[in-house]
N, C-alpha and C. Protein backbone atom coordinates (compact mmCIF):
# COMPACT_ATOMS: atom_id res chain seq x y z
N MET A 1 163.94 54.42 118.14
CA MET A 1 164.32 54.08 116.75
C MET A 1 165.50 54.89 116.39
N ASN A 2 166.43 54.19 115.82
CA ASN A 2 167.67 54.86 115.36
C ASN A 2 167.66 55.07 113.83
N VAL A 3 168.51 56.08 113.48
CA VAL A 3 168.59 56.38 111.97
C VAL A 3 169.20 55.14 111.26
N ASP A 4 170.18 54.62 111.82
CA ASP A 4 170.74 53.33 111.24
C ASP A 4 171.33 52.45 112.41
N ASP A 5 171.78 51.28 112.17
CA ASP A 5 172.29 50.40 113.10
C ASP A 5 173.62 50.86 113.66
N ASN A 6 174.36 51.78 112.92
CA ASN A 6 175.61 52.26 113.39
C ASN A 6 175.55 53.55 114.17
N ASN A 7 174.32 54.08 114.37
CA ASN A 7 174.12 55.35 115.06
C ASN A 7 173.19 55.16 116.24
N PRO A 8 173.72 55.21 117.46
CA PRO A 8 172.83 54.97 118.61
C PRO A 8 172.04 56.27 119.12
N SER A 9 172.17 57.38 118.44
CA SER A 9 171.47 58.65 118.89
C SER A 9 169.95 58.39 118.67
N PHE A 10 169.27 59.09 119.72
CA PHE A 10 167.80 59.06 119.61
C PHE A 10 167.32 59.78 118.46
N VAL A 11 166.28 59.29 117.80
CA VAL A 11 165.57 59.97 116.69
C VAL A 11 164.15 59.93 117.07
N ALA A 12 163.44 61.07 116.96
CA ALA A 12 162.05 61.14 117.23
C ALA A 12 161.23 60.14 116.40
N GLU A 13 160.18 59.64 116.96
CA GLU A 13 159.26 58.78 116.18
C GLU A 13 158.56 59.54 115.09
N LYS A 14 157.93 58.81 114.16
CA LYS A 14 157.24 59.48 113.01
C LYS A 14 156.17 60.42 113.63
N GLY A 15 156.05 61.50 113.03
CA GLY A 15 155.06 62.49 113.38
C GLY A 15 155.54 63.49 114.43
N HIS A 16 156.83 63.34 114.95
CA HIS A 16 157.36 64.15 115.94
C HIS A 16 158.46 65.10 115.36
N TRP A 17 158.55 65.23 114.12
CA TRP A 17 159.53 66.05 113.36
C TRP A 17 158.95 67.32 113.01
N LYS A 18 159.70 68.37 112.83
CA LYS A 18 159.41 69.56 112.23
C LYS A 18 160.46 70.01 111.31
N ARG A 19 160.03 70.30 110.13
CA ARG A 19 161.06 70.73 109.01
C ARG A 19 161.07 72.25 109.07
N PHE A 20 162.27 72.73 108.93
CA PHE A 20 162.54 74.12 108.82
C PHE A 20 163.07 74.55 107.51
N ALA A 21 162.56 75.62 106.90
CA ALA A 21 163.15 76.17 105.68
C ALA A 21 163.94 77.34 106.19
N VAL A 22 165.22 77.14 105.99
CA VAL A 22 166.27 78.16 106.57
C VAL A 22 166.76 79.03 105.39
N PRO A 23 166.67 80.32 105.41
CA PRO A 23 167.30 81.19 104.39
C PRO A 23 168.72 80.84 104.21
N LEU A 24 169.19 80.78 103.01
CA LEU A 24 170.64 80.46 102.77
C LEU A 24 171.56 81.40 103.53
N ALA A 25 171.22 82.66 103.56
CA ALA A 25 172.05 83.62 104.31
C ALA A 25 172.26 83.24 105.71
N TYR A 26 171.33 82.57 106.41
CA TYR A 26 171.48 82.21 107.77
C TYR A 26 172.52 81.09 107.91
N LEU A 27 172.76 80.26 106.86
CA LEU A 27 173.68 79.21 106.98
C LEU A 27 175.06 79.61 107.20
N GLY A 28 175.49 80.88 106.81
CA GLY A 28 176.70 81.38 107.07
C GLY A 28 176.96 81.92 108.57
N ASN A 29 175.93 81.88 109.37
CA ASN A 29 176.00 82.38 110.81
C ASN A 29 176.75 81.32 111.52
N GLU A 30 177.50 81.81 112.45
CA GLU A 30 178.41 80.95 113.28
C GLU A 30 177.52 79.97 114.12
N ILE A 31 176.35 80.32 114.47
CA ILE A 31 175.57 79.41 115.21
C ILE A 31 175.19 78.22 114.44
N PHE A 32 174.94 78.34 113.14
CA PHE A 32 174.62 77.19 112.21
C PHE A 32 175.87 76.32 112.01
N HIS A 33 177.01 76.96 112.03
CA HIS A 33 178.29 76.22 111.82
C HIS A 33 178.39 75.27 113.07
N LYS A 34 178.09 75.84 114.27
CA LYS A 34 178.21 74.99 115.48
C LYS A 34 177.13 73.92 115.47
N LEU A 35 175.85 74.24 115.04
CA LEU A 35 174.86 73.26 115.11
C LEU A 35 175.17 72.10 114.09
N PHE A 36 175.71 72.55 112.86
CA PHE A 36 176.04 71.47 111.89
C PHE A 36 177.10 70.57 112.48
N LYS A 37 178.04 71.10 113.17
CA LYS A 37 179.10 70.29 113.75
C LYS A 37 178.62 69.35 114.83
N MET A 38 177.74 69.88 115.66
CA MET A 38 177.11 69.06 116.72
C MET A 38 176.25 67.99 116.07
N SER A 39 175.59 68.31 114.97
CA SER A 39 174.80 67.38 114.22
C SER A 39 175.65 66.22 113.64
N GLU A 40 176.74 66.59 113.11
CA GLU A 40 177.65 65.59 112.46
C GLU A 40 178.14 64.60 113.54
N GLU A 41 178.49 65.20 114.77
CA GLU A 41 178.93 64.37 115.84
C GLU A 41 177.98 63.43 116.39
N GLU A 42 176.64 63.89 116.47
CA GLU A 42 175.61 63.09 117.06
C GLU A 42 175.00 62.17 116.05
N PHE A 43 174.72 62.65 114.84
CA PHE A 43 173.90 61.89 113.88
C PHE A 43 174.65 61.35 112.74
N GLY A 44 175.95 61.82 112.49
CA GLY A 44 176.67 61.48 111.32
C GLY A 44 176.23 62.35 110.09
N ILE A 45 176.84 61.97 109.00
CA ILE A 45 176.51 62.62 107.74
C ILE A 45 175.91 61.68 106.77
N SER A 46 174.85 62.13 106.15
CA SER A 46 174.18 61.23 105.05
C SER A 46 173.79 62.14 103.92
N SER A 47 173.89 61.71 102.72
CA SER A 47 173.40 62.40 101.62
C SER A 47 172.01 62.02 101.18
N ASP A 48 171.47 60.96 101.80
CA ASP A 48 170.15 60.48 101.38
C ASP A 48 169.13 60.78 102.32
N ARG A 49 169.29 61.68 103.27
CA ARG A 49 168.19 62.02 104.24
C ARG A 49 168.44 63.46 104.64
N PRO A 50 167.39 64.11 105.22
CA PRO A 50 167.48 65.49 105.65
C PRO A 50 168.50 65.63 106.83
N ILE A 51 169.02 66.86 106.93
CA ILE A 51 169.97 67.09 108.05
C ILE A 51 169.15 67.19 109.37
N THR A 52 169.64 66.38 110.32
CA THR A 52 169.03 66.38 111.71
C THR A 52 169.81 67.25 112.53
N LEU A 53 169.21 68.24 113.20
CA LEU A 53 169.92 69.11 114.06
C LEU A 53 169.55 68.86 115.54
N PRO A 54 170.47 69.00 116.50
CA PRO A 54 170.14 68.73 117.86
C PRO A 54 169.15 69.83 118.31
N GLY A 55 168.39 69.47 119.31
CA GLY A 55 167.33 70.35 119.82
C GLY A 55 165.92 70.07 119.39
N ASP A 56 165.02 70.79 120.00
CA ASP A 56 163.64 70.67 119.51
C ASP A 56 163.26 71.85 118.64
N SER A 57 161.94 71.81 118.29
CA SER A 57 161.52 72.88 117.33
C SER A 57 161.49 74.15 118.03
N GLU A 58 161.14 74.25 119.38
CA GLU A 58 161.13 75.54 120.06
C GLU A 58 162.52 76.18 120.05
N TYR A 59 163.58 75.35 120.19
CA TYR A 59 164.98 75.71 120.20
C TYR A 59 165.32 76.33 118.90
N MET A 60 164.90 75.63 117.81
CA MET A 60 165.23 76.22 116.46
C MET A 60 164.47 77.39 116.19
N ASP A 61 163.26 77.49 116.61
CA ASP A 61 162.45 78.81 116.39
C ASP A 61 163.23 79.95 117.13
N TYR A 62 163.68 79.67 118.33
CA TYR A 62 164.44 80.63 119.07
C TYR A 62 165.63 81.08 118.32
N ILE A 63 166.50 80.10 117.78
CA ILE A 63 167.73 80.42 117.11
C ILE A 63 167.35 81.18 115.84
N LEU A 64 166.40 80.84 115.02
CA LEU A 64 166.09 81.47 113.83
C LEU A 64 165.61 82.84 114.15
N SER A 65 164.80 83.12 115.25
CA SER A 65 164.36 84.50 115.51
C SER A 65 165.51 85.38 115.93
N LEU A 66 166.48 84.84 116.65
CA LEU A 66 167.70 85.66 116.99
C LEU A 66 168.45 86.07 115.85
N ILE A 67 168.59 85.25 114.91
CA ILE A 67 169.38 85.46 113.64
C ILE A 67 168.54 86.52 112.84
N GLN A 68 167.27 86.32 112.74
CA GLN A 68 166.40 87.21 111.96
C GLN A 68 166.46 88.66 112.53
N ARG A 69 166.50 88.70 113.86
CA ARG A 69 166.56 90.08 114.54
C ARG A 69 167.96 90.59 114.61
N GLY A 70 168.99 89.93 114.14
CA GLY A 70 170.35 90.35 114.27
C GLY A 70 170.99 90.29 115.67
N GLU A 71 170.37 89.41 116.46
CA GLU A 71 170.84 89.35 117.86
C GLU A 71 171.54 88.12 118.14
N ALA A 72 171.97 87.47 117.16
CA ALA A 72 172.67 86.16 117.26
C ALA A 72 174.20 86.37 117.18
N THR A 73 174.70 87.29 117.98
CA THR A 73 176.13 87.58 117.95
C THR A 73 176.89 86.80 119.00
N ASP A 74 176.35 86.52 120.17
CA ASP A 74 177.00 85.81 121.21
C ASP A 74 176.63 84.26 121.04
N PHE A 75 177.19 83.63 120.08
CA PHE A 75 176.73 82.27 119.82
C PHE A 75 177.18 81.33 120.93
N GLU A 76 178.22 81.63 121.68
CA GLU A 76 178.72 80.76 122.77
C GLU A 76 177.57 80.66 123.82
N LYS A 77 177.06 81.93 124.08
CA LYS A 77 176.03 82.00 125.14
C LYS A 77 174.81 81.31 124.74
N ILE A 78 174.39 81.47 123.42
CA ILE A 78 173.22 80.88 122.80
C ILE A 78 173.25 79.39 122.92
N LEU A 79 174.52 78.79 122.52
CA LEU A 79 174.64 77.37 122.41
C LEU A 79 174.86 76.73 123.78
N THR A 80 174.99 77.49 124.85
CA THR A 80 175.02 76.91 126.24
C THR A 80 173.53 76.72 126.78
N ILE A 81 172.64 77.21 126.07
CA ILE A 81 171.22 76.95 126.54
C ILE A 81 171.02 75.40 126.46
N PRO A 82 170.59 74.70 127.50
CA PRO A 82 170.47 73.26 127.44
C PRO A 82 169.58 72.85 126.32
N LEU A 83 170.08 71.91 125.53
CA LEU A 83 169.26 71.24 124.46
C LEU A 83 168.53 70.08 125.08
N PRO A 84 167.24 69.97 124.62
CA PRO A 84 166.47 68.73 124.99
C PRO A 84 167.11 67.51 124.44
N HIS A 85 167.30 66.46 125.22
CA HIS A 85 167.94 65.28 124.69
C HIS A 85 166.85 64.20 124.17
N ASP A 86 165.59 64.51 124.28
CA ASP A 86 164.76 63.56 123.87
C ASP A 86 163.89 63.87 122.64
N SER A 87 164.38 64.88 121.93
CA SER A 87 163.84 65.27 120.53
C SER A 87 164.78 66.01 119.73
N THR A 88 164.53 66.04 118.44
CA THR A 88 165.35 66.71 117.52
C THR A 88 164.56 67.58 116.62
N ALA A 89 165.19 68.51 116.06
CA ALA A 89 164.56 69.41 115.04
C ALA A 89 165.20 69.16 113.67
N GLN A 90 164.51 69.26 112.70
CA GLN A 90 164.98 68.83 111.34
C GLN A 90 164.72 69.95 110.47
């Protein structure tokens, strides 16, 4: 199932999403800047639906835990961890 007809990216079926509440302070982190850019390239931008980020929920849990612990300084290394291509985190 696609987000819309103009976007061929894979989107998880209903019930396979996980929503994350991200502290505003985290959004200034370089990792989130990169994730938002990747999201824009893969899924496009829409103001009428939640932001879809690449990766699965375990990947997002990992990213959030690194930022929370202050260990998210080497964002290039973190972003080279392979992302699952068959699911997304939201």
